[in-house]
Amino acid sequence: MIFDAGVFLALEDPTRRRVIVALVELMRREGVAPVTNDAVLAQVWREPARQVPLTKLLKMMTVYRFGDPRAIGIRCAKAGTSDVVDASLAVLADQLGLSVLTSDADDFVRLNAPHQTF
């Protein structure tokens, strides 16, 4: 499963954090590591001293590079969006055969990307 920025932002809310932590623990028991990309990390990384849950979660994840800018740009054009970060996750989802976990499904519907909402 690929995590978008909304998953990481949810870590700031104690109630939502418990849901994310439980999901990651379940994934780890099944031998699956959640993934994201460095563009998402750039969106959410602000104050490391305040973001201890984010730092802990990142240690359990695989963080991919942004991706092929041409493929991402084409995906944006087809979807009629300028959100290159979400488009990069859509391309990554296609490449890895995974879905994106998001709090904003509309973007991924428009990008024709497999996704799940939390």
PDB file of N, CA and C in Angstrom:
ATOM      1  N   MET A   1       0.841  -1.167   0.000  1.00  0.00           N
ATOM      2  CA  MET A   1       0.000   0.000   0.000  1.00  0.00           C
ATOM      3  C   MET A   1       0.893   1.239   0.000  1.00  0.00           C
ATOM      4  N   ILE A   2       0.474   2.237  -0.765  1.00  0.00           N
ATOM      5  CA  ILE A   2       1.216   3.491  -0.890  1.00  0.00           C
ATOM      6  C   ILE A   2       0.510   4.550  -0.047  1.00  0.00           C
ATOM      7  N   PHE A   3       1.259   5.227   0.795  1.00  0.00           N
ATOM      8  CA  PHE A   3       0.678   6.258   1.656  1.00  0.00           C
ATOM      9  C   PHE A   3       0.828   7.628   1.007  1.00  0.00           C
ATOM     10  N   ASP A   4      -0.274   8.385   0.973  1.00  0.00           N
ATOM     11  CA  ASP A   4      -0.186   9.770   0.500  1.00  0.00           C
ATOM     12  C   ASP A   4       0.007  10.692   1.707  1.00  0.00           C
ATOM     13  N   ALA A   5       0.102  11.975   1.460  1.00  0.00           N
ATOM     14  CA  ALA A   5       0.395  12.938   2.525  1.00  0.00           C
ATOM     15  C   ALA A   5      -0.650  12.914   3.634  1.00  0.00           C
ATOM     16  N   GLY A   6      -1.903  12.658   3.285  1.00  0.00           N
ATOM     17  CA  GLY A   6      -2.964  12.636   4.285  1.00  0.00           C
ATOM     18  C   GLY A   6      -2.737  11.611   5.378  1.00  0.00           C
ATOM     19  N   VAL A   7      -2.123  10.491   5.030  1.00  0.00           N
ATOM     20  CA  VAL A   7      -1.831   9.459   6.030  1.00  0.00           C
ATOM     21  C   VAL A   7      -0.853  10.016   7.060  1.00  0.00           C
ATOM     22  N   PHE A   8       0.177  10.687   6.586  1.00  0.00           N
ATOM     23  CA  PHE A   8       1.179  11.233   7.497  1.00  0.00           C
ATOM     24  C   PHE A   8       0.615  12.378   8.330  1.00  0.00           C
ATOM     25  N   LEU A   9      -0.228  13.193   7.729  1.00  0.00           N
ATOM     26  CA  LEU A   9      -0.848  14.288   8.476  1.00  0.00           C
ATOM     27  C   LEU A   9      -1.786  13.750   9.551  1.00  0.00           C
ATOM     28  N   ALA A  10      -2.391  12.597   9.305  1.00  0.00           N
ATOM     29  CA  ALA A  10      -3.277  11.972  10.289  1.00  0.00           C
ATOM     30  C   ALA A  10      -2.526  11.578  11.557  1.00  0.00           C
ATOM     31  N   LEU A  11      -1.222  11.388  11.455  1.00  0.00           N
ATOM     32  CA  LEU A  11      -0.431  11.025  12.632  1.00  0.00           C
ATOM     33  C   LEU A  11      -0.448  12.118  13.696  1.00  0.00           C
ATOM     34  N   GLU A  12      -0.780  13.336  13.316  1.00  0.00           N
ATOM     35  CA  GLU A  12      -0.812  14.447  14.265  1.00  0.00           C
ATOM     36  C   GLU A  12      -2.044  14.405  15.163  1.00  0.00           C
ATOM     37  N   ASP A  13      -3.060  13.647  14.773  1.00  0.00           N
ATOM     38  CA  ASP A  13      -4.286  13.487  15.560  1.00  0.00           C
ATOM     39  C   ASP A  13      -4.191  12.150  16.294  1.00  0.00           C
ATOM     40  N   PRO A  14      -4.188  12.152  17.643  1.00  0.00           N
ATOM     41  CA  PRO A  14      -4.001  10.899  18.389  1.00  0.00           C
ATOM     42  C   PRO A  14      -4.979   9.783  18.012  1.00  0.00           C
ATOM     43  N   THR A  15      -6.237  10.116  17.757  1.00  0.00           N
ATOM     44  CA  THR A  15      -7.220   9.089  17.400  1.00  0.00           C
ATOM     45  C   THR A  15      -6.898   8.480  16.045  1.00  0.00           C
ATOM     46  N   ARG A  16      -6.636   9.311  15.077  1.00  0.00           N
ATOM     47  CA  ARG A  16      -6.316   8.815  13.735  1.00  0.00           C
ATOM     48  C   ARG A  16      -4.959   8.117  13.733  1.00  0.00           C
ATOM     49  N   ARG A  17      -4.034   8.581  14.576  1.00  0.00           N
ATOM     50  CA  ARG A  17      -2.717   7.947  14.669  1.00  0.00           C
ATOM     51  C   ARG A  17      -2.858   6.475  15.054  1.00  0.00           C
ATOM     52  N   ARG A  18      -3.753   6.181  15.998  1.00  0.00           N
ATOM     53  CA  ARG A  18      -3.951   4.787  16.420  1.00  0.00           C
ATOM     54  C   ARG A  18      -4.400   3.917  15.247  1.00  0.00           C
ATOM     55  N   VAL A  19      -5.244   4.454  14.394  1.00  0.00           N
ATOM     56  CA  VAL A  19      -5.713   3.708  13.222  1.00  0.00           C
ATOM     57  C   VAL A  19      -4.550   3.430  12.271  1.00  0.00           C
ATOM     58  N   ILE A  20      -3.738   4.436  12.000  1.00  0.00           N
ATOM     59  CA  ILE A  20      -2.597   4.274  11.092  1.00  0.00           C
ATOM     60  C   ILE A  20      -1.598   3.285  11.675  1.00  0.00           C
ATOM     61  N   VAL A  21      -1.283   3.412  12.963  1.00  0.00           N
ATOM     62  CA  VAL A  21      -0.329   2.503  13.607  1.00  0.00           C
ATOM     63  C   VAL A  21      -0.853   1.071  13.552  1.00  0.00           C
ATOM     64  N   ALA A  22      -2.139   0.870  13.814  1.00  0.00           N
ATOM     65  CA  ALA A  22      -2.721  -0.476  13.754  1.00  0.00           C
ATOM     66  C   ALA A  22      -2.625  -1.045  12.342  1.00  0.00           C
ATOM     67  N   LEU A  23      -2.881  -0.225  11.344  1.00  0.00           N
ATOM     68  CA  LEU A  23      -2.772  -0.672   9.954  1.00  0.00           C
ATOM     69  C   LEU A  23      -1.343  -1.081   9.623  1.00  0.00           C
ATOM     70  N   VAL A  24      -0.378  -0.268  10.017  1.00  0.00           N
ATOM     71  CA  VAL A  24       1.028  -0.576   9.729  1.00  0.00           C
ATOM     72  C   VAL A  24       1.454  -1.849  10.455  1.00  0.00           C
ATOM     73  N   GLU A  25       1.018  -2.024  11.689  1.00  0.00           N
ATOM     74  CA  GLU A  25       1.344  -3.249  12.426  1.00  0.00           C
ATOM     75  C   GLU A  25       0.757  -4.472  11.733  1.00  0.00           C
ATOM     76  N   LEU A  26      -0.470  -4.372  11.252  1.00  0.00           N
ATOM     77  CA  LEU A  26      -1.092  -5.468  10.506  1.00  0.00           C
ATOM     78  C   LEU A  26      -0.295  -5.769   9.238  1.00  0.00           C
ATOM     79  N   MET A  27       0.090  -4.738   8.519  1.00  0.00           N
ATOM     80  CA  MET A  27       0.875  -4.924   7.299  1.00  0.00           C
ATOM     81  C   MET A  27       2.203  -5.607   7.609  1.00  0.00           C
ATOM     82  N   ARG A  28       2.851  -5.187   8.683  1.00  0.00           N
ATOM     83  CA  ARG A  28       4.144  -5.784   9.049  1.00  0.00           C
ATOM     84  C   ARG A  28       3.989  -7.259   9.399  1.00  0.00           C
ATOM     85  N   ARG A  29       2.907  -7.602  10.112  1.00  0.00           N
ATOM     86  CA  ARG A  29       2.663  -9.017  10.446  1.00  0.00           C
ATOM     87  C   ARG A  29       2.480  -9.854   9.187  1.00  0.00           C
ATOM     88  N   GLU A  30       1.938  -9.223   8.147  1.00  0.00           N
ATOM     89  CA  GLU A  30       1.734  -9.914   6.874  1.00  0.00           C
ATOM     90  C   GLU A  30       2.963  -9.832   5.974  1.00  0.00           C
ATOM     91  N   GLY A  31       4.037  -9.221   6.478  1.00  0.00           N
ATOM     92  CA  GLY A  31       5.279  -9.129   5.716  1.00  0.00           C
ATOM     93  C   GLY A  31       5.269  -8.081   4.624  1.00  0.00           C
ATOM     94  N   VAL A  32       4.415  -7.075   4.773  1.00  0.00           N
ATOM     95  CA  VAL A  32       4.281  -6.027   3.763  1.00  0.00           C
ATOM     96  C   VAL A  32       4.737  -4.700   4.365  1.00  0.00           C
ATOM     97  N   ALA A  33       5.588  -3.999   3.644  1.00  0.00           N
ATOM     98  CA  ALA A  33       6.025  -2.675   4.096  1.00  0.00           C
ATOM     99  C   ALA A  33       5.251  -1.610   3.330  1.00  0.00           C
ATOM    100  N   PRO A  34       4.684  -0.641   4.025  1.00  0.00           N
ATOM    101  CA  PRO A  34       4.044   0.460   3.312  1.00  0.00           C
ATOM    102  C   PRO A  34       5.101   1.268   2.567  1.00  0.00           C
ATOM    103  N   VAL A  35       4.673   1.948   1.520  1.00  0.00           N
ATOM    104  CA  VAL A  35       5.605   2.744   0.723  1.00  0.00           C
ATOM    105  C   VAL A  35       5.045   4.141   0.496  1.00  0.00           C
ATOM    106  N   THR A  36       5.922   5.033   0.120  1.00  0.00           N
ATOM    107  CA  THR A  36       5.560   6.378  -0.307  1.00  0.00           C
ATOM    108  C   THR A  36       6.672   6.851  -1.225  1.00  0.00           C
ATOM    109  N   ASN A  37       6.665   8.132  -1.574  1.00  0.00           N
ATOM    110  CA  ASN A  37       7.805   8.646  -2.336  1.00  0.00           C
ATOM    111  C   ASN A  37       8.337   9.919  -1.694  1.00  0.00           C
ATOM    112  N   ASP A  38       9.485  10.353  -2.165  1.00  0.00           N
ATOM    113  CA  ASP A  38      10.146  11.494  -1.535  1.00  0.00           C
ATOM    114  C   ASP A  38       9.383  12.803  -1.717  1.00  0.00           C
ATOM    115  N   ALA A  39       8.551  12.904  -2.735  1.00  0.00           N
ATOM    116  CA  ALA A  39       7.745  14.114  -2.909  1.00  0.00           C
ATOM    117  C   ALA A  39       6.715  14.244  -1.788  1.00  0.00           C
ATOM    118  N   VAL A  40       6.106  13.138  -1.402  1.00  0.00           N
ATOM    119  CA  VAL A  40       5.157  13.150  -0.288  1.00  0.00           C
ATOM    120  C   VAL A  40       5.894  13.519   0.996  1.00  0.00           C
ATOM    121  N   LEU A  41       7.048  12.931   1.178  1.00  0.00           N
ATOM    122  CA  LEU A  41       7.838  13.245   2.364  1.00  0.00           C
ATOM    123  C   LEU A  41       8.144  14.745   2.433  1.00  0.00           C
ATOM    124  N   ALA A  42       8.464  15.342   1.301  1.00  0.00           N
ATOM    125  CA  ALA A  42       8.727  16.786   1.262  1.00  0.00           C
ATOM    126  C   ALA A  42       7.478  17.589   1.625  1.00  0.00           C
ATOM    127  N   GLN A  43       6.298  17.079   1.273  1.00  0.00           N
ATOM    128  CA  GLN A  43       5.051  17.780   1.603  1.00  0.00           C
ATOM    129  C   GLN A  43       4.801  17.831   3.106  1.00  0.00           C
ATOM    130  N   VAL A  44       5.197  16.790   3.818  1.00  0.00           N
ATOM    131  CA  VAL A  44       4.807  16.673   5.227  1.00  0.00           C
ATOM    132  C   VAL A  44       5.932  16.950   6.217  1.00  0.00           C
ATOM    133  N   TRP A  45       7.176  16.942   5.782  1.00  0.00           N
ATOM    134  CA  TRP A  45       8.307  17.101   6.702  1.00  0.00           C
ATOM    135  C   TRP A  45       8.478  18.571   7.052  1.00  0.00           C
ATOM    136  N   ARG A  46       8.253  18.923   8.308  1.00  0.00           N
ATOM    137  CA  ARG A  46       8.343  20.317   8.725  1.00  0.00           C
ATOM    138  C   ARG A  46       9.213  20.503   9.962  1.00  0.00           C
ATOM    139  N   GLU A  47       8.821  19.898  11.069  1.00  0.00           N
ATOM    140  CA  GLU A  47       9.528  20.080  12.336  1.00  0.00           C
ATOM    141  C   GLU A  47       9.834  18.708  12.933  1.00  0.00           C
ATOM    142  N   PRO A  48      11.008  18.163  12.653  1.00  0.00           N
ATOM    143  CA  PRO A  48      11.334  16.807  13.112  1.00  0.00           C
ATOM    144  C   PRO A  48      11.115  16.591  14.609  1.00  0.00           C
ATOM    145  N   ALA A  49      11.395  17.576  15.422  1.00  0.00           N
ATOM    146  CA  ALA A  49      11.216  17.411  16.865  1.00  0.00           C
ATOM    147  C   ALA A  49       9.749  17.192  17.230  1.00  0.00           C
ATOM    148  N   ARG A  50       8.851  17.732  16.438  1.00  0.00           N
ATOM    149  CA  ARG A  50       7.407  17.580  16.667  1.00  0.00           C
ATOM    150  C   ARG A  50       6.831  16.369  15.951  1.00  0.00           C
ATOM    151  N   GLN A  51       7.588  15.792  15.048  1.00  0.00           N
ATOM    152  CA  GLN A  51       7.057  14.742  14.181  1.00  0.00           C
ATOM    153  C   GLN A  51       7.635  13.368  14.510  1.00  0.00           C
ATOM    154  N   VAL A  52       7.721  13.071  15.789  1.00  0.00           N
ATOM    155  CA  VAL A  52       8.264  11.780  16.217  1.00  0.00           C
ATOM    156  C   VAL A  52       7.464  10.612  15.627  1.00  0.00           C
ATOM    157  N   PRO A  53       6.122  10.640  15.641  1.00  0.00           N
ATOM    158  CA  PRO A  53       5.388   9.522  15.029  1.00  0.00           C
ATOM    159  C   PRO A  53       5.724   9.341  13.546  1.00  0.00           C
ATOM    160  N   LEU A  54       5.897  10.440  12.836  1.00  0.00           N
ATOM    161  CA  LEU A  54       6.268  10.362  11.420  1.00  0.00           C
ATOM    162  C   LEU A  54       7.643   9.730  11.264  1.00  0.00           C
ATOM    163  N   THR A  55       8.589  10.147  12.080  1.00  0.00           N
ATOM    164  CA  THR A  55       9.942   9.594  12.019  1.00  0.00           C
ATOM    165  C   THR A  55       9.925   8.094  12.286  1.00  0.00           C
ATOM    166  N   LYS A  56       9.153   7.669  13.277  1.00  0.00           N
ATOM    167  CA  LYS A  56       9.051   6.235  13.592  1.00  0.00           C
ATOM    168  C   LYS A  56       8.430   5.462  12.433  1.00  0.00           C
ATOM    169  N   LEU A  57       7.380   6.018  11.851  1.00  0.00           N
ATOM    170  CA  LEU A  57       6.717   5.345  10.736  1.00  0.00           C
ATOM    171  C   LEU A  57       7.652   5.210   9.541  1.00  0.00           C
ATOM    172  N   LEU A  58       8.411   6.242   9.258  1.00  0.00           N
ATOM    173  CA  LEU A  58       9.322   6.202   8.105  1.00  0.00           C
ATOM    174  C   LEU A  58      10.350   5.085   8.217  1.00  0.00           C
ATOM    175  N   LYS A  59      10.727   4.724   9.438  1.00  0.00           N
ATOM    176  CA  LYS A  59      11.694   3.636   9.636  1.00  0.00           C
ATOM    177  C   LYS A  59      11.132   2.289   9.195  1.00  0.00           C
ATOM    178  N   MET A  60       9.809   2.191   9.079  1.00  0.00           N
ATOM    179  CA  MET A  60       9.156   0.938   8.689  1.00  0.00           C
ATOM    180  C   MET A  60       8.721   0.947   7.230  1.00  0.00           C
ATOM    181  N   MET A  61       9.092   1.985   6.490  1.00  0.00           N
ATOM    182  CA  MET A  61       8.594   2.170   5.130  1.00  0.00           C
ATOM    183  C   MET A  61       9.710   2.137   4.102  1.00  0.00           C
ATOM    184  N   THR A  62       9.295   1.939   2.868  1.00  0.00           N
ATOM    185  CA  THR A  62      10.179   2.124   1.726  1.00  0.00           C
ATOM    186  C   THR A  62       9.793   3.449   1.086  1.00  0.00           C
ATOM    187  N   VAL A  63      10.779   4.320   0.879  1.00  0.00           N
ATOM    188  CA  VAL A  63      10.533   5.627   0.263  1.00  0.00           C
ATOM    189  C   VAL A  63      11.180   5.620  -1.119  1.00  0.00           C
ATOM    190  N   TYR A  64      10.341   5.690  -2.145  1.00  0.00           N
ATOM    191  CA  TYR A  64      10.817   5.688  -3.534  1.00  0.00           C
ATOM    192  C   TYR A  64      11.148   7.107  -3.987  1.00  0.00           C
ATOM    193  N   ARG A  65      11.915   7.189  -5.045  1.00  0.00           N
ATOM    194  CA  ARG A  65      12.211   8.475  -5.680  1.00  0.00           C
ATOM    195  C   ARG A  65      10.931   9.001  -6.335  1.00  0.00           C
ATOM    196  N   PHE A  66      10.927  10.277  -6.678  1.00  0.00           N
ATOM    197  CA  PHE A  66       9.767  10.950  -7.269  1.00  0.00           C
ATOM    198  C   PHE A  66       9.220  10.203  -8.477  1.00  0.00           C
ATOM    199  N   GLY A  67      10.059   9.775  -9.378  1.00  0.00           N
ATOM    200  CA  GLY A  67       9.604   9.033 -10.549  1.00  0.00           C
ATOM    201  C   GLY A  67       9.921   9.749 -11.843  1.00  0.00           C
ATOM    202  N   ASP A  68       9.440   9.186 -12.927  1.00  0.00           N
ATOM    203  CA  ASP A  68       9.691   9.708 -14.272  1.00  0.00           C
ATOM    204  C   ASP A  68       8.838  10.957 -14.497  1.00  0.00           C
ATOM    205  N   PRO A  69       9.464  12.127 -14.616  1.00  0.00           N
ATOM    206  CA  PRO A  69       8.679  13.352 -14.756  1.00  0.00           C
ATOM    207  C   PRO A  69       7.797  13.373 -15.999  1.00  0.00           C
ATOM    208  N   ARG A  70       8.216  12.706 -17.059  1.00  0.00           N
ATOM    209  CA  ARG A  70       7.390  12.680 -18.278  1.00  0.00           C
ATOM    210  C   ARG A  70       6.108  11.882 -18.047  1.00  0.00           C
ATOM    211  N   ALA A  71       6.256  10.705 -17.449  1.00  0.00           N
ATOM    212  CA  ALA A  71       5.079   9.873 -17.172  1.00  0.00           C
ATOM    213  C   ALA A  71       4.132  10.588 -16.209  1.00  0.00           C
ATOM    214  N   ILE A  72       4.702  11.269 -15.236  1.00  0.00           N
ATOM    215  CA  ILE A  72       3.889  11.993 -14.257  1.00  0.00           C
ATOM    216  C   ILE A  72       3.174  13.169 -14.924  1.00  0.00           C
ATOM    217  N   GLY A  73       3.879  13.888 -15.777  1.00  0.00           N
ATOM    218  CA  GLY A  73       3.267  15.010 -16.500  1.00  0.00           C
ATOM    219  C   GLY A  73       2.142  14.563 -17.409  1.00  0.00           C
ATOM    220  N   ILE A  74       2.341  13.453 -18.099  1.00  0.00           N
ATOM    221  CA  ILE A  74       1.290  12.907 -18.969  1.00  0.00           C
ATOM    222  C   ILE A  74       0.076  12.517 -18.132  1.00  0.00           C
ATOM    223  N   ARG A  75       0.312  11.912 -16.968  1.00  0.00           N
ATOM    224  CA  ARG A  75      -0.793  11.516 -16.084  1.00  0.00           C
ATOM    225  C   ARG A  75      -1.573  12.752 -15.636  1.00  0.00           C
ATOM    226  N   CYS A  76      -0.855  13.834 -15.316  1.00  0.00           N
ATOM    227  CA  CYS A  76      -1.521  15.094 -14.945  1.00  0.00           C
ATOM    228  C   CYS A  76      -2.377  15.610 -16.096  1.00  0.00           C
ATOM    229  N   ALA A  77      -1.807  15.610 -17.295  1.00  0.00           N
ATOM    230  CA  ALA A  77      -2.533  16.127 -18.464  1.00  0.00           C
ATOM    231  C   ALA A  77      -3.808  15.333 -18.718  1.00  0.00           C
ATOM    232  N   LYS A  78      -3.712  14.010 -18.655  1.00  0.00           N
ATOM    233  CA  LYS A  78      -4.886  13.163 -18.894  1.00  0.00           C
ATOM    234  C   LYS A  78      -5.972  13.387 -17.845  1.00  0.00           C
ATOM    235  N   ALA A  79      -5.548  13.675 -16.605  1.00  0.00           N
ATOM    236  CA  ALA A  79      -6.505  13.852 -15.513  1.00  0.00           C
ATOM    237  C   ALA A  79      -6.988  15.290 -15.382  1.00  0.00           C
ATOM    238  N   GLY A  80      -6.339  16.198 -16.093  1.00  0.00           N
ATOM    239  CA  GLY A  80      -6.707  17.601 -15.968  1.00  0.00           C
ATOM    240  C   GLY A  80      -6.357  18.183 -14.609  1.00  0.00           C
ATOM    241  N   THR A  81      -5.212  17.791 -14.078  1.00  0.00           N
ATOM    242  CA  THR A  81      -4.765  18.272 -12.774  1.00  0.00           C
ATOM    243  C   THR A  81      -3.330  18.766 -12.871  1.00  0.00           C
ATOM    244  N   SER A  82      -2.937  19.568 -11.913  1.00  0.00           N
ATOM    245  CA  SER A  82      -1.544  20.004 -11.848  1.00  0.00           C
ATOM    246  C   SER A  82      -0.851  19.444 -10.610  1.00  0.00           C
ATOM    247  N   ASP A  83      -1.517  18.527  -9.914  1.00  0.00           N
ATOM    248  CA  ASP A  83      -0.960  17.954  -8.686  1.00  0.00           C
ATOM    249  C   ASP A  83       0.040  16.851  -9.035  1.00  0.00           C
ATOM    250  N   VAL A  84       1.295  17.246  -9.176  1.00  0.00           N
ATOM    251  CA  VAL A  84       2.321  16.282  -9.588  1.00  0.00           C
ATOM    252  C   VAL A  84       2.631  15.269  -8.495  1.00  0.00           C
ATOM    253  N   VAL A  85       2.404  15.615  -7.242  1.00  0.00           N
ATOM    254  CA  VAL A  85       2.682  14.659  -6.166  1.00  0.00           C
ATOM    255  C   VAL A  85       1.680  13.509  -6.226  1.00  0.00           C
ATOM    256  N   ASP A  86       0.395  13.819  -6.298  1.00  0.00           N
ATOM    257  CA  ASP A  86      -0.602  12.751  -6.418  1.00  0.00           C
ATOM    258  C   ASP A  86      -0.399  11.961  -7.709  1.00  0.00           C
ATOM    259  N   ALA A  87      -0.074  12.650  -8.792  1.00  0.00           N
ATOM    260  CA  ALA A  87       0.174  11.949 -10.056  1.00  0.00           C
ATOM    261  C   ALA A  87       1.376  11.024  -9.935  1.00  0.00           C
ATOM    262  N   SER A  88       2.387  11.442  -9.186  1.00  0.00           N
ATOM    263  CA  SER A  88       3.556  10.572  -9.001  1.00  0.00           C
ATOM    264  C   SER A  88       3.181   9.313  -8.234  1.00  0.00           C
ATOM    265  N   LEU A  89       2.253   9.441  -7.287  1.00  0.00           N
ATOM    266  CA  LEU A  89       1.788   8.255  -6.558  1.00  0.00           C
ATOM    267  C   LEU A  89       0.941   7.361  -7.454  1.00  0.00           C
ATOM    268  N   ALA A  90       0.158   7.955  -8.336  1.00  0.00           N
ATOM    269  CA  ALA A  90      -0.639   7.165  -9.282  1.00  0.00           C
ATOM    270  C   ALA A  90       0.269   6.354 -10.196  1.00  0.00           C
ATOM    271  N   VAL A  91       1.332   6.975 -10.690  1.00  0.00           N
ATOM    272  CA  VAL A  91       2.296   6.265 -11.542  1.00  0.00           C
ATOM    273  C   VAL A  91       2.990   5.168 -10.741  1.00  0.00           C
ATOM    274  N   LEU A  92       3.386   5.474  -9.511  1.00  0.00           N
ATOM    275  CA  LEU A  92       4.032   4.478  -8.653  1.00  0.00           C
ATOM    276  C   LEU A  92       3.086   3.308  -8.380  1.00  0.00           C
ATOM    277  N   ALA A  93       1.812   3.597  -8.159  1.00  0.00           N
ATOM    278  CA  ALA A  93       0.823   2.539  -7.928  1.00  0.00           C
ATOM    279  C   ALA A  93       0.747   1.603  -9.127  1.00  0.00           C
ATOM    280  N   ASP A  94       0.752   2.166 -10.322  1.00  0.00           N
ATOM    281  CA  ASP A  94       0.741   1.335 -11.531  1.00  0.00           C
ATOM    282  C   ASP A  94       1.995   0.471 -11.614  1.00  0.00           C
ATOM    283  N   GLN A  95       3.138   1.065 -11.322  1.00  0.00           N
ATOM    284  CA  GLN A  95       4.408   0.345 -11.427  1.00  0.00           C
ATOM    285  C   GLN A  95       4.509  -0.797 -10.425  1.00  0.00           C
ATOM    286  N   LEU A  96       4.015  -0.576  -9.214  1.00  0.00           N
ATOM    287  CA  LEU A  96       4.155  -1.574  -8.151  1.00  0.00           C
ATOM    288  C   LEU A  96       2.949  -2.498  -8.024  1.00  0.00           C
ATOM    289  N   GLY A  97       1.859  -2.162  -8.715  1.00  0.00           N
ATOM    290  CA  GLY A  97       0.642  -2.960  -8.589  1.00  0.00           C
ATOM    291  C   GLY A  97      -0.004  -2.810  -7.219  1.00  0.00           C
ATOM    292  N   LEU A  98       0.089  -1.611  -6.653  1.00  0.00           N
ATOM    293  CA  LEU A  98      -0.459  -1.337  -5.331  1.00  0.00           C
ATOM    294  C   LEU A  98      -1.535  -0.261  -5.422  1.00  0.00           C
ATOM    295  N   SER A  99      -2.239  -0.060  -4.317  1.00  0.00           N
ATOM    296  CA  SER A  99      -3.199   1.035  -4.259  1.00  0.00           C
ATOM    297  C   SER A  99      -2.683   2.110  -3.309  1.00  0.00           C
ATOM    298  N   VAL A 100      -3.238   3.295  -3.460  1.00  0.00           N
ATOM    299  CA  VAL A 100      -2.852   4.445  -2.646  1.00  0.00           C
ATOM    300  C   VAL A 100      -3.850   4.593  -1.505  1.00  0.00           C
ATOM    301  N   LEU A 101      -3.341   4.707  -0.290  1.00  0.00           N
ATOM    302  CA  LEU A 101      -4.192   5.007   0.854  1.00  0.00           C
ATOM    303  C   LEU A 101      -4.257   6.521   0.980  1.00  0.00           C
ATOM    304  N   THR A 102      -5.461   7.069   0.937  1.00  0.00           N
ATOM    305  CA  THR A 102      -5.633   8.518   0.884  1.00  0.00           C
ATOM    306  C   THR A 102      -6.819   8.964   1.716  1.00  0.00           C
ATOM    307  N   SER A 103      -6.794  10.208   2.110  1.00  0.00           N
ATOM    308  CA  SER A 103      -7.966  10.808   2.751  1.00  0.00           C
ATOM    309  C   SER A 103      -8.747  11.644   1.739  1.00  0.00           C
ATOM    310  N   ASP A 104      -8.237  11.736   0.515  1.00  0.00           N
ATOM    311  CA  ASP A 104      -8.852  12.554  -0.537  1.00  0.00           C
ATOM    312  C   ASP A 104      -8.981  11.727  -1.820  1.00  0.00           C
ATOM    313  N   ALA A 105      -9.996  10.903  -1.870  1.00  0.00           N
ATOM    314  CA  ALA A 105     -10.165   9.982  -2.998  1.00  0.00           C
ATOM    315  C   ALA A 105     -10.417  10.684  -4.323  1.00  0.00           C
ATOM    316  N   ASP A 106     -11.010  11.863  -4.301  1.00  0.00           N
ATOM    317  CA  ASP A 106     -11.349  12.555  -5.551  1.00  0.00           C
ATOM    318  C   ASP A 106     -10.143  12.716  -6.472  1.00  0.00           C
ATOM    319  N   ASP A 107      -9.002  13.067  -5.897  1.00  0.00           N
ATOM    320  CA  ASP A 107      -7.797  13.244  -6.713  1.00  0.00           C
ATOM    321  C   ASP A 107      -7.416  11.954  -7.426  1.00  0.00           C
ATOM    322  N   PHE A 108      -7.507  10.843  -6.719  1.00  0.00           N
ATOM    323  CA  PHE A 108      -7.079   9.578  -7.304  1.00  0.00           C
ATOM    324  C   PHE A 108      -8.123   8.994  -8.252  1.00  0.00           C
ATOM    325  N   VAL A 109      -9.387   9.348  -8.054  1.00  0.00           N
ATOM    326  CA  VAL A 109     -10.416   8.986  -9.032  1.00  0.00           C
ATOM    327  C   VAL A 109     -10.110   9.690 -10.348  1.00  0.00           C
ATOM    328  N   ARG A 110      -9.841  10.990 -10.263  1.00  0.00           N
ATOM    329  CA  ARG A 110      -9.516  11.785 -11.452  1.00  0.00           C
ATOM    330  C   ARG A 110      -8.252  11.247 -12.150  1.00  0.00           C
ATOM    331  N   LEU A 111      -7.282  10.774 -11.351  1.00  0.00           N
ATOM    332  CA  LEU A 111      -6.031  10.242 -11.902  1.00  0.00           C
ATOM    333  C   LEU A 111      -6.165   8.784 -12.350  1.00  0.00           C
ATOM    334  N   ASN A 112      -7.362   8.207 -12.183  1.00  0.00           N
ATOM    335  CA  ASN A 112      -7.613   6.812 -12.547  1.00  0.00           C
ATOM    336  C   ASN A 112      -6.597   5.885 -11.881  1.00  0.00           C
ATOM    337  N   ALA A 113      -6.415   6.094 -10.580  1.00  0.00           N
ATOM    338  CA  ALA A 113      -5.438   5.317  -9.815  1.00  0.00           C
ATOM    339  C   ALA A 113      -6.153   4.437  -8.798  1.00  0.00           C
ATOM    340  N   PRO A 114      -5.660   3.226  -8.600  1.00  0.00           N
ATOM    341  CA  PRO A 114      -6.240   2.377  -7.559  1.00  0.00           C
ATOM    342  C   PRO A 114      -6.001   3.031  -6.195  1.00  0.00           C
ATOM    343  N   HIS A 115      -7.036   3.086  -5.369  1.00  0.00           N
ATOM    344  CA  HIS A 115      -6.897   3.765  -4.088  1.00  0.00           C
ATOM    345  C   HIS A 115      -7.895   3.213  -3.077  1.00  0.00           C
ATOM    346  N   GLN A 116      -7.606   3.498  -1.825  1.00  0.00           N
ATOM    347  CA  GLN A 116      -8.510   3.203  -0.720  1.00  0.00           C
ATOM    348  C   GLN A 116      -8.553   4.445   0.154  1.00  0.00           C
ATOM    349  N   THR A 117      -9.693   4.691   0.752  1.00  0.00           N
ATOM    350  CA  THR A 117      -9.864   5.875   1.585  1.00  0.00           C
ATOM    351  C   THR A 117      -9.881   5.475   3.050  1.00  0.00           C
ATOM    352  N   PHE A 118      -9.324   6.329   3.881  1.00  0.00           N
ATOM    353  CA  PHE A 118      -9.400   6.091   5.326  1.00  0.00           C
ATOM    354  C   PHE A 118     -10.088   7.246   6.002  1.00  0.00           C
TER     355      PHE A 118
END
